[in-house]
Amino acid sequence: MKRASNSPLAVASFEALARVRRTLREQADVAPDPAPQPTRPQASGLADGKLLFRRAVADVVPLPPGNRANLTQQRPKPIPHQHLADEAQVLVDALADPWDWDAAVATGEELFFARPGIPTAAMRKLRRGGWVIKGELDLHGHSGDEARVALAAFLNRCMLEDRRCVRVIHGKGHGSKNRLPVLKNKVRHWLMQREEVLAFCQARTVDGGAGAVVVLLKSSTR
């Protein structure tokens, strides 16, 4: 069977195909170029920016050192006003000494004191050493003023640490003038001035005897 290559239908098909090809070729020739992709700035651009900034601030005058804020300087520590007030109160309490010298020296009896309302059983327990001694202050070698300050500071510290029973060693007065127990009687008077002192008595022989006093304090947690 022979190919009908020269038939009118075949010629028409070839012509249509040629027209399509020409149309596609013409559209390709007039198509716009693709949009250019953005590029990253080069290092030279950054260098140019720094140079422009330096030129812009070339006429600026630096501030004098006295007008500059010192950002590295640390803030001053807060002043402990309450602590200073407590220390001042210690001195006030310690230096208040309005006592009768003649009456104190004349009485040589055993140290004993109990505020109204203290049960007899509590005092009996204190005399017999039933309370555990939680702190001690030795006033040997202290002058009168030094002893006042030391005792006041010691009692304040005991209240902060909730020490209920403490011992104060005042000595027997053998080294004082006329061998009188001056510091012993002063300690008794000072202890009676303090509201936190509920009671005190002379220590047992094993705890110092006539040279020491055992003090019962209020509970600071109540």
C-alpha atoms as a PDB file:
ATOM      1  CA  MET A   1       0.000   0.000   0.000  1.00  0.00           C
ATOM      2  CA  LYS A   2       1.554   3.332  -1.015  1.00  0.00           C
ATOM      3  CA  ARG A   3       1.959   6.335   1.370  1.00  0.00           C
ATOM      4  CA  ALA A   4      -0.261   9.276   0.521  1.00  0.00           C
ATOM      5  CA  SER A   5       2.437  11.859   1.199  1.00  0.00           C
ATOM      6  CA  ASN A   6       1.330  14.152  -1.633  1.00  0.00           C
ATOM      7  CA  SER A   7      -2.345  14.179  -0.685  1.00  0.00           C
ATOM      8  CA  PRO A   8      -4.029  17.554   0.001  1.00  0.00           C
ATOM      9  CA  LEU A   9      -4.611  16.563   3.672  1.00  0.00           C
ATOM     10  CA  ALA A  10      -0.942  15.872   4.290  1.00  0.00           C
ATOM     11  CA  VAL A  11       0.137  19.158   2.747  1.00  0.00           C
ATOM     12  CA  ALA A  12      -2.332  21.069   4.953  1.00  0.00           C
ATOM     13  CA  SER A  13      -1.037  19.340   8.103  1.00  0.00           C
ATOM     14  CA  PHE A  14       2.581  20.251   7.364  1.00  0.00           C
ATOM     15  CA  GLU A  15       1.636  23.877   6.780  1.00  0.00           C
ATOM     16  CA  ALA A  16      -0.281  24.070  10.094  1.00  0.00           C
ATOM     17  CA  LEU A  17       2.686  22.578  11.961  1.00  0.00           C
ATOM     18  CA  ALA A  18       5.019  25.122  10.342  1.00  0.00           C
ATOM     19  CA  ARG A  19       2.774  27.983  11.455  1.00  0.00           C
ATOM     20  CA  VAL A  20       2.792  26.726  15.065  1.00  0.00           C
ATOM     21  CA  ARG A  21       6.567  26.552  15.083  1.00  0.00           C
ATOM     22  CA  ARG A  22       6.849  30.115  13.732  1.00  0.00           C
ATOM     23  CA  THR A  23       4.427  31.369  16.405  1.00  0.00           C
ATOM     24  CA  LEU A  24       6.399  29.723  19.245  1.00  0.00           C
ATOM     25  CA  ARG A  25       9.644  31.102  17.880  1.00  0.00           C
ATOM     26  CA  GLU A  26       8.258  34.639  17.735  1.00  0.00           C
ATOM     27  CA  GLN A  27       6.915  34.450  21.341  1.00  0.00           C
ATOM     28  CA  ALA A  28      10.331  33.291  22.562  1.00  0.00           C
ATOM     29  CA  ASP A  29      11.986  36.263  20.864  1.00  0.00           C
ATOM     30  CA  VAL A  30       9.735  38.853  22.589  1.00  0.00           C
ATOM     31  CA  ALA A  31       9.599  37.222  26.118  1.00  0.00           C
ATOM     32  CA  PRO A  32      10.951  39.556  28.950  1.00  0.00           C
ATOM     33  CA  ASP A  33      14.155  38.684  30.759  1.00  0.00           C
ATOM     34  CA  PRO A  34      13.775  37.072  34.225  1.00  0.00           C
ATOM     35  CA  ALA A  35      13.855  39.458  37.221  1.00  0.00           C
ATOM     36  CA  PRO A  36      17.340  39.860  38.656  1.00  0.00           C
ATOM     37  CA  GLN A  37      17.910  38.164  42.038  1.00  0.00           C
ATOM     38  CA  PRO A  38      18.870  40.424  44.966  1.00  0.00           C
ATOM     39  CA  THR A  39      22.523  40.193  45.909  1.00  0.00           C
ATOM     40  CA  ARG A  40      24.055  40.501  49.411  1.00  0.00           C
ATOM     41  CA  PRO A  41      26.035  43.612  50.177  1.00  0.00           C
ATOM     42  CA  GLN A  42      29.705  43.156  49.774  1.00  0.00           C
ATOM     43  CA  ALA A  43      32.251  43.712  52.518  1.00  0.00           C
ATOM     44  CA  SER A  44      33.360  46.838  50.746  1.00  0.00           C
ATOM     45  CA  GLY A  45      29.883  48.326  51.328  1.00  0.00           C
ATOM     46  CA  LEU A  46      30.235  47.877  55.114  1.00  0.00           C
ATOM     47  CA  ALA A  47      33.648  49.464  55.041  1.00  0.00           C
ATOM     48  CA  ASP A  48      32.235  52.410  53.108  1.00  0.00           C
ATOM     49  CA  GLY A  49      29.500  52.796  55.741  1.00  0.00           C
ATOM     50  CA  LYS A  50      32.029  52.995  58.580  1.00  0.00           C
ATOM     51  CA  LEU A  51      34.028  55.531  56.638  1.00  0.00           C
ATOM     52  CA  LEU A  52      30.938  57.670  56.069  1.00  0.00           C
ATOM     53  CA  PHE A  53      30.074  57.520  59.779  1.00  0.00           C
ATOM     54  CA  ARG A  54      33.556  58.632  60.785  1.00  0.00           C
ATOM     55  CA  ARG A  55      33.319  61.540  58.388  1.00  0.00           C
ATOM     56  CA  ALA A  56      29.905  62.502  59.800  1.00  0.00           C
ATOM     57  CA  VAL A  57      31.143  62.640  63.430  1.00  0.00           C
ATOM     58  CA  ALA A  58      34.536  64.118  62.658  1.00  0.00           C
ATOM     59  CA  ASP A  59      33.568  67.499  64.201  1.00  0.00           C
ATOM     60  CA  VAL A  60      32.113  66.071  67.421  1.00  0.00           C
ATOM     61  CA  VAL A  61      33.914  67.199  70.621  1.00  0.00           C
ATOM     62  CA  PRO A  62      34.239  64.506  73.386  1.00  0.00           C
ATOM     63  CA  LEU A  63      32.729  65.287  76.785  1.00  0.00           C
ATOM     64  CA  PRO A  64      35.159  66.190  79.579  1.00  0.00           C
ATOM     65  CA  PRO A  65      35.880  63.374  82.088  1.00  0.00           C
ATOM     66  CA  GLY A  66      33.910  65.135  84.824  1.00  0.00           C
ATOM     67  CA  ASN A  67      30.666  64.976  82.808  1.00  0.00           C
ATOM     68  CA  ARG A  68      30.843  61.292  82.028  1.00  0.00           C
ATOM     69  CA  ALA A  69      28.747  58.732  83.836  1.00  0.00           C
ATOM     70  CA  ASN A  70      30.850  56.110  85.585  1.00  0.00           C
ATOM     71  CA  LEU A  71      28.894  52.965  84.756  1.00  0.00           C
ATOM     72  CA  THR A  72      31.497  50.689  86.308  1.00  0.00           C
ATOM     73  CA  GLN A  73      31.257  52.248  89.761  1.00  0.00           C
ATOM     74  CA  GLN A  74      29.454  50.002  92.254  1.00  0.00           C
ATOM     75  CA  ARG A  75      26.416  51.246  94.095  1.00  0.00           C
ATOM     76  CA  PRO A  76      27.110  52.183  97.726  1.00  0.00           C
ATOM     77  CA  LYS A  77      26.122  49.575 100.269  1.00  0.00           C
ATOM     78  CA  PRO A  78      22.916  50.322 102.182  1.00  0.00           C
ATOM     79  CA  ILE A  79      23.378  51.804 105.631  1.00  0.00           C
ATOM     80  CA  PRO A  80      22.219  49.323 108.314  1.00  0.00           C
ATOM     81  CA  HIS A  81      20.127  51.834 110.238  1.00  0.00           C
ATOM     82  CA  GLN A  82      18.442  49.196 112.395  1.00  0.00           C
ATOM     83  CA  HIS A  83      21.772  47.620 113.317  1.00  0.00           C
ATOM     84  CA  LEU A  84      23.196  51.012 114.266  1.00  0.00           C
ATOM     85  CA  ALA A  85      20.105  51.751 116.333  1.00  0.00           C
ATOM     86  CA  ASP A  86      20.473  48.430 118.148  1.00  0.00           C
ATOM     87  CA  GLU A  87      24.123  49.160 118.884  1.00  0.00           C
ATOM     88  CA  ALA A  88      23.196  52.584 120.214  1.00  0.00           C
ATOM     89  CA  GLN A  89      20.520  51.023 122.389  1.00  0.00           C
ATOM     90  CA  VAL A  90      23.091  48.613 123.799  1.00  0.00           C
ATOM     91  CA  LEU A  91      25.144  51.562 125.001  1.00  0.00           C
ATOM     92  CA  VAL A  92      22.106  53.282 126.469  1.00  0.00           C
ATOM     93  CA  ASP A  93      21.050  50.152 128.336  1.00  0.00           C
ATOM     94  CA  ALA A  94      24.579  49.388 129.437  1.00  0.00           C
ATOM     95  CA  LEU A  95      25.517  52.847 130.687  1.00  0.00           C
ATOM     96  CA  ALA A  96      22.344  53.402 132.720  1.00  0.00           C
ATOM     97  CA  ASP A  97      23.717  52.867 136.201  1.00  0.00           C
ATOM     98  CA  PRO A  98      21.575  54.767 138.768  1.00  0.00           C
ATOM     99  CA  TRP A  99      22.324  52.632 141.783  1.00  0.00           C
ATOM    100  CA  ASP A 100      22.967  53.146 145.465  1.00  0.00           C
ATOM    101  CA  TRP A 101      26.651  52.392 146.068  1.00  0.00           C
ATOM    102  CA  ASP A 102      26.421  52.227 149.871  1.00  0.00           C
ATOM    103  CA  ALA A 103      23.419  49.898 149.833  1.00  0.00           C
ATOM    104  CA  ALA A 104      25.024  47.627 147.251  1.00  0.00           C
ATOM    105  CA  VAL A 105      28.314  47.306 149.087  1.00  0.00           C
ATOM    106  CA  ALA A 106      26.674  46.756 152.439  1.00  0.00           C
ATOM    107  CA  THR A 107      24.644  43.764 151.273  1.00  0.00           C
ATOM    108  CA  GLY A 108      26.778  40.684 150.878  1.00  0.00           C
ATOM    109  CA  GLU A 109      23.999  38.119 150.746  1.00  0.00           C
ATOM    110  CA  GLU A 110      23.585  35.524 148.043  1.00  0.00           C
ATOM    111  CA  LEU A 111      22.468  36.823 144.678  1.00  0.00           C
ATOM    112  CA  PHE A 112      18.803  36.126 144.179  1.00  0.00           C
ATOM    113  CA  PHE A 113      16.045  37.794 142.170  1.00  0.00           C
ATOM    114  CA  ALA A 114      12.673  36.754 140.759  1.00  0.00           C
ATOM    115  CA  ARG A 115      10.076  38.912 139.070  1.00  0.00           C
ATOM    116  CA  PRO A 116       6.492  38.763 140.317  1.00  0.00           C
ATOM    117  CA  GLY A 117       4.629  35.805 138.874  1.00  0.00           C
ATOM    118  CA  ILE A 118       7.629  33.499 138.483  1.00  0.00           C
ATOM    119  CA  PRO A 119       6.592  30.082 139.872  1.00  0.00           C
ATOM    120  CA  THR A 120       8.407  28.779 142.924  1.00  0.00           C
ATOM    121  CA  ALA A 121       9.069  25.530 141.080  1.00  0.00           C
ATOM    122  CA  ALA A 122      10.935  27.416 138.357  1.00  0.00           C
ATOM    123  CA  MET A 123      13.153  29.138 140.940  1.00  0.00           C
ATOM    124  CA  ARG A 124      13.810  25.863 142.716  1.00  0.00           C
ATOM    125  CA  LYS A 125      14.800  24.331 139.390  1.00  0.00           C
ATOM    126  CA  LEU A 126      17.117  27.273 138.708  1.00  0.00           C
ATOM    127  CA  ARG A 127      18.841  26.938 142.104  1.00  0.00           C
ATOM    128  CA  ARG A 128      19.365  23.203 141.656  1.00  0.00           C
ATOM    129  CA  GLY A 129      20.846  23.531 138.179  1.00  0.00           C
ATOM    130  CA  GLY A 130      17.844  22.035 136.402  1.00  0.00           C
ATOM    131  CA  TRP A 131      18.087  24.489 133.485  1.00  0.00           C
ATOM    132  CA  VAL A 132      20.636  23.746 130.792  1.00  0.00           C
ATOM    133  CA  ILE A 133      23.119  26.623 130.564  1.00  0.00           C
ATOM    134  CA  LYS A 134      23.206  27.763 126.937  1.00  0.00           C
ATOM    135  CA  GLY A 135      25.722  30.602 127.153  1.00  0.00           C
ATOM    136  CA  GLU A 136      28.383  32.161 129.350  1.00  0.00           C
ATOM    137  CA  LEU A 137      29.974  35.576 129.827  1.00  0.00           C
ATOM    138  CA  ASP A 138      33.229  35.974 131.774  1.00  0.00           C
ATOM    139  CA  LEU A 139      33.754  39.504 133.104  1.00  0.00           C
ATOM    140  CA  HIS A 140      37.174  38.872 134.655  1.00  0.00           C
ATOM    141  CA  GLY A 141      39.566  41.698 133.805  1.00  0.00           C
ATOM    142  CA  HIS A 142      36.793  44.100 132.778  1.00  0.00           C
ATOM    143  CA  SER A 143      36.459  47.582 134.214  1.00  0.00           C
ATOM    144  CA  GLY A 144      33.059  48.794 135.332  1.00  0.00           C
ATOM    145  CA  ASP A 145      32.267  50.483 132.014  1.00  0.00           C
ATOM    146  CA  GLU A 146      33.560  47.540 129.991  1.00  0.00           C
ATOM    147  CA  ALA A 147      31.488  45.119 132.065  1.00  0.00           C
ATOM    148  CA  ARG A 148      28.292  47.144 131.520  1.00  0.00           C
ATOM    149  CA  VAL A 149      28.722  47.178 127.751  1.00  0.00           C
ATOM    150  CA  ALA A 150      29.718  43.517 127.584  1.00  0.00           C
ATOM    151  CA  LEU A 151      26.770  42.378 129.700  1.00  0.00           C
ATOM    152  CA  ALA A 152      24.214  44.384 127.700  1.00  0.00           C
ATOM    153  CA  ALA A 153      25.561  43.071 124.387  1.00  0.00           C
ATOM    154  CA  PHE A 154      25.623  39.514 125.741  1.00  0.00           C
ATOM    155  CA  LEU A 155      21.976  39.652 126.860  1.00  0.00           C
ATOM    156  CA  ASN A 156      20.871  41.085 123.512  1.00  0.00           C
ATOM    157  CA  ARG A 157      22.659  38.294 121.663  1.00  0.00           C
ATOM    158  CA  CYS A 158      21.107  35.663 123.930  1.00  0.00           C
ATOM    159  CA  MET A 159      17.635  37.009 123.173  1.00  0.00           C
ATOM    160  CA  LEU A 160      18.261  36.894 119.437  1.00  0.00           C
ATOM    161  CA  GLU A 161      19.443  33.287 119.721  1.00  0.00           C
ATOM    162  CA  ASP A 162      16.668  32.339 122.196  1.00  0.00           C
ATOM    163  CA  ARG A 163      18.997  31.213 124.982  1.00  0.00           C
ATOM    164  CA  ARG A 164      16.815  30.786 128.070  1.00  0.00           C
ATOM    165  CA  CYS A 165      19.468  30.070 130.720  1.00  0.00           C
ATOM    166  CA  VAL A 166      22.952  31.627 130.803  1.00  0.00           C
ATOM    167  CA  ARG A 167      25.771  32.152 133.282  1.00  0.00           C
ATOM    168  CA  VAL A 168      27.622  35.386 134.056  1.00  0.00           C
ATOM    169  CA  ILE A 169      30.982  35.076 135.800  1.00  0.00           C
ATOM    170  CA  HIS A 170      31.669  38.230 137.796  1.00  0.00           C
ATOM    171  CA  GLY A 171      34.330  36.949 140.202  1.00  0.00           C
ATOM    172  CA  LYS A 172      34.435  37.030 143.988  1.00  0.00           C
ATOM    173  CA  GLY A 173      36.060  40.439 144.278  1.00  0.00           C
ATOM    174  CA  HIS A 174      39.324  39.239 145.823  1.00  0.00           C
ATOM    175  CA  GLY A 175      41.316  41.499 143.512  1.00  0.00           C
ATOM    176  CA  SER A 176      39.244  44.652 144.076  1.00  0.00           C
ATOM    177  CA  LYS A 177      39.891  47.455 146.535  1.00  0.00           C
ATOM    178  CA  ASN A 178      39.149  46.412 150.120  1.00  0.00           C
ATOM    179  CA  ARG A 179      38.347  42.953 148.665  1.00  0.00           C
ATOM    180  CA  LEU A 180      34.713  43.957 148.217  1.00  0.00           C
ATOM    181  CA  PRO A 181      32.521  42.232 145.558  1.00  0.00           C
ATOM    182  CA  VAL A 182      31.921  45.480 143.672  1.00  0.00           C
ATOM    183  CA  LEU A 183      31.383  43.901 140.230  1.00  0.00           C
ATOM    184  CA  LYS A 184      29.138  41.238 141.742  1.00  0.00           C
ATOM    185  CA  ASN A 185      26.749  43.843 143.118  1.00  0.00           C
ATOM    186  CA  LYS A 186      26.877  45.854 139.925  1.00  0.00           C
ATOM    187  CA  VAL A 187      25.935  42.794 137.898  1.00  0.00           C
ATOM    188  CA  ARG A 188      22.971  42.199 140.194  1.00  0.00           C
ATOM    189  CA  HIS A 189      21.746  45.749 139.676  1.00  0.00           C
ATOM    190  CA  TRP A 190      22.255  45.660 135.916  1.00  0.00           C
ATOM    191  CA  LEU A 191      20.364  42.373 135.573  1.00  0.00           C
ATOM    192  CA  MET A 192      17.426  43.754 137.539  1.00  0.00           C
ATOM    193  CA  GLN A 193      17.135  46.635 135.036  1.00  0.00           C
ATOM    194  CA  ARG A 194      16.665  44.344 132.054  1.00  0.00           C
ATOM    195  CA  GLU A 195      13.066  43.371 131.302  1.00  0.00           C
ATOM    196  CA  GLU A 196      14.086  40.135 129.583  1.00  0.00           C
ATOM    197  CA  VAL A 197      15.610  38.855 132.870  1.00  0.00           C
ATOM    198  CA  LEU A 198      12.983  36.797 134.683  1.00  0.00           C
ATOM    199  CA  ALA A 199      15.151  35.621 137.557  1.00  0.00           C
ATOM    200  CA  PHE A 200      18.718  34.927 138.622  1.00  0.00           C
ATOM    201  CA  CYS A 201      20.507  33.278 141.510  1.00  0.00           C
ATOM    202  CA  GLN A 202      24.001  32.444 142.645  1.00  0.00           C
ATOM    203  CA  ALA A 203      25.517  29.560 140.727  1.00  0.00           C
ATOM    204  CA  ARG A 204      26.080  26.175 142.306  1.00  0.00           C
ATOM    205  CA  THR A 205      29.556  25.388 143.579  1.00  0.00           C
ATOM    206  CA  VAL A 206      30.305  23.262 140.508  1.00  0.00           C
ATOM    207  CA  ASP A 207      29.191  26.155 138.261  1.00  0.00           C
ATOM    208  CA  GLY A 208      31.254  28.891 139.940  1.00  0.00           C
ATOM    209  CA  GLY A 209      29.587  29.384 143.314  1.00  0.00           C
ATOM    210  CA  ALA A 210      29.773  32.924 144.695  1.00  0.00           C
ATOM    211  CA  GLY A 211      31.766  34.039 141.660  1.00  0.00           C
ATOM    212  CA  ALA A 212      28.982  33.521 139.128  1.00  0.00           C
ATOM    213  CA  VAL A 213      25.266  34.032 138.665  1.00  0.00           C
ATOM    214  CA  VAL A 214      22.808  31.916 136.663  1.00  0.00           C
ATOM    215  CA  VAL A 215      20.221  33.973 134.739  1.00  0.00           C
ATOM    216  CA  LEU A 216      16.816  32.883 133.429  1.00  0.00           C
ATOM    217  CA  LEU A 217      15.634  34.863 130.378  1.00  0.00           C
ATOM    218  CA  LYS A 218      12.328  35.258 128.593  1.00  0.00           C
ATOM    219  CA  SER A 219      11.647  33.188 125.528  1.00  0.00           C
ATOM    220  CA  SER A 220      12.150  35.318 122.442  1.00  0.00           C
ATOM    221  CA  THR A 221       9.863  33.064 120.347  1.00  0.00           C
ATOM    222  CA  ARG A 222       6.682  33.854 122.268  1.00  0.00           C
END
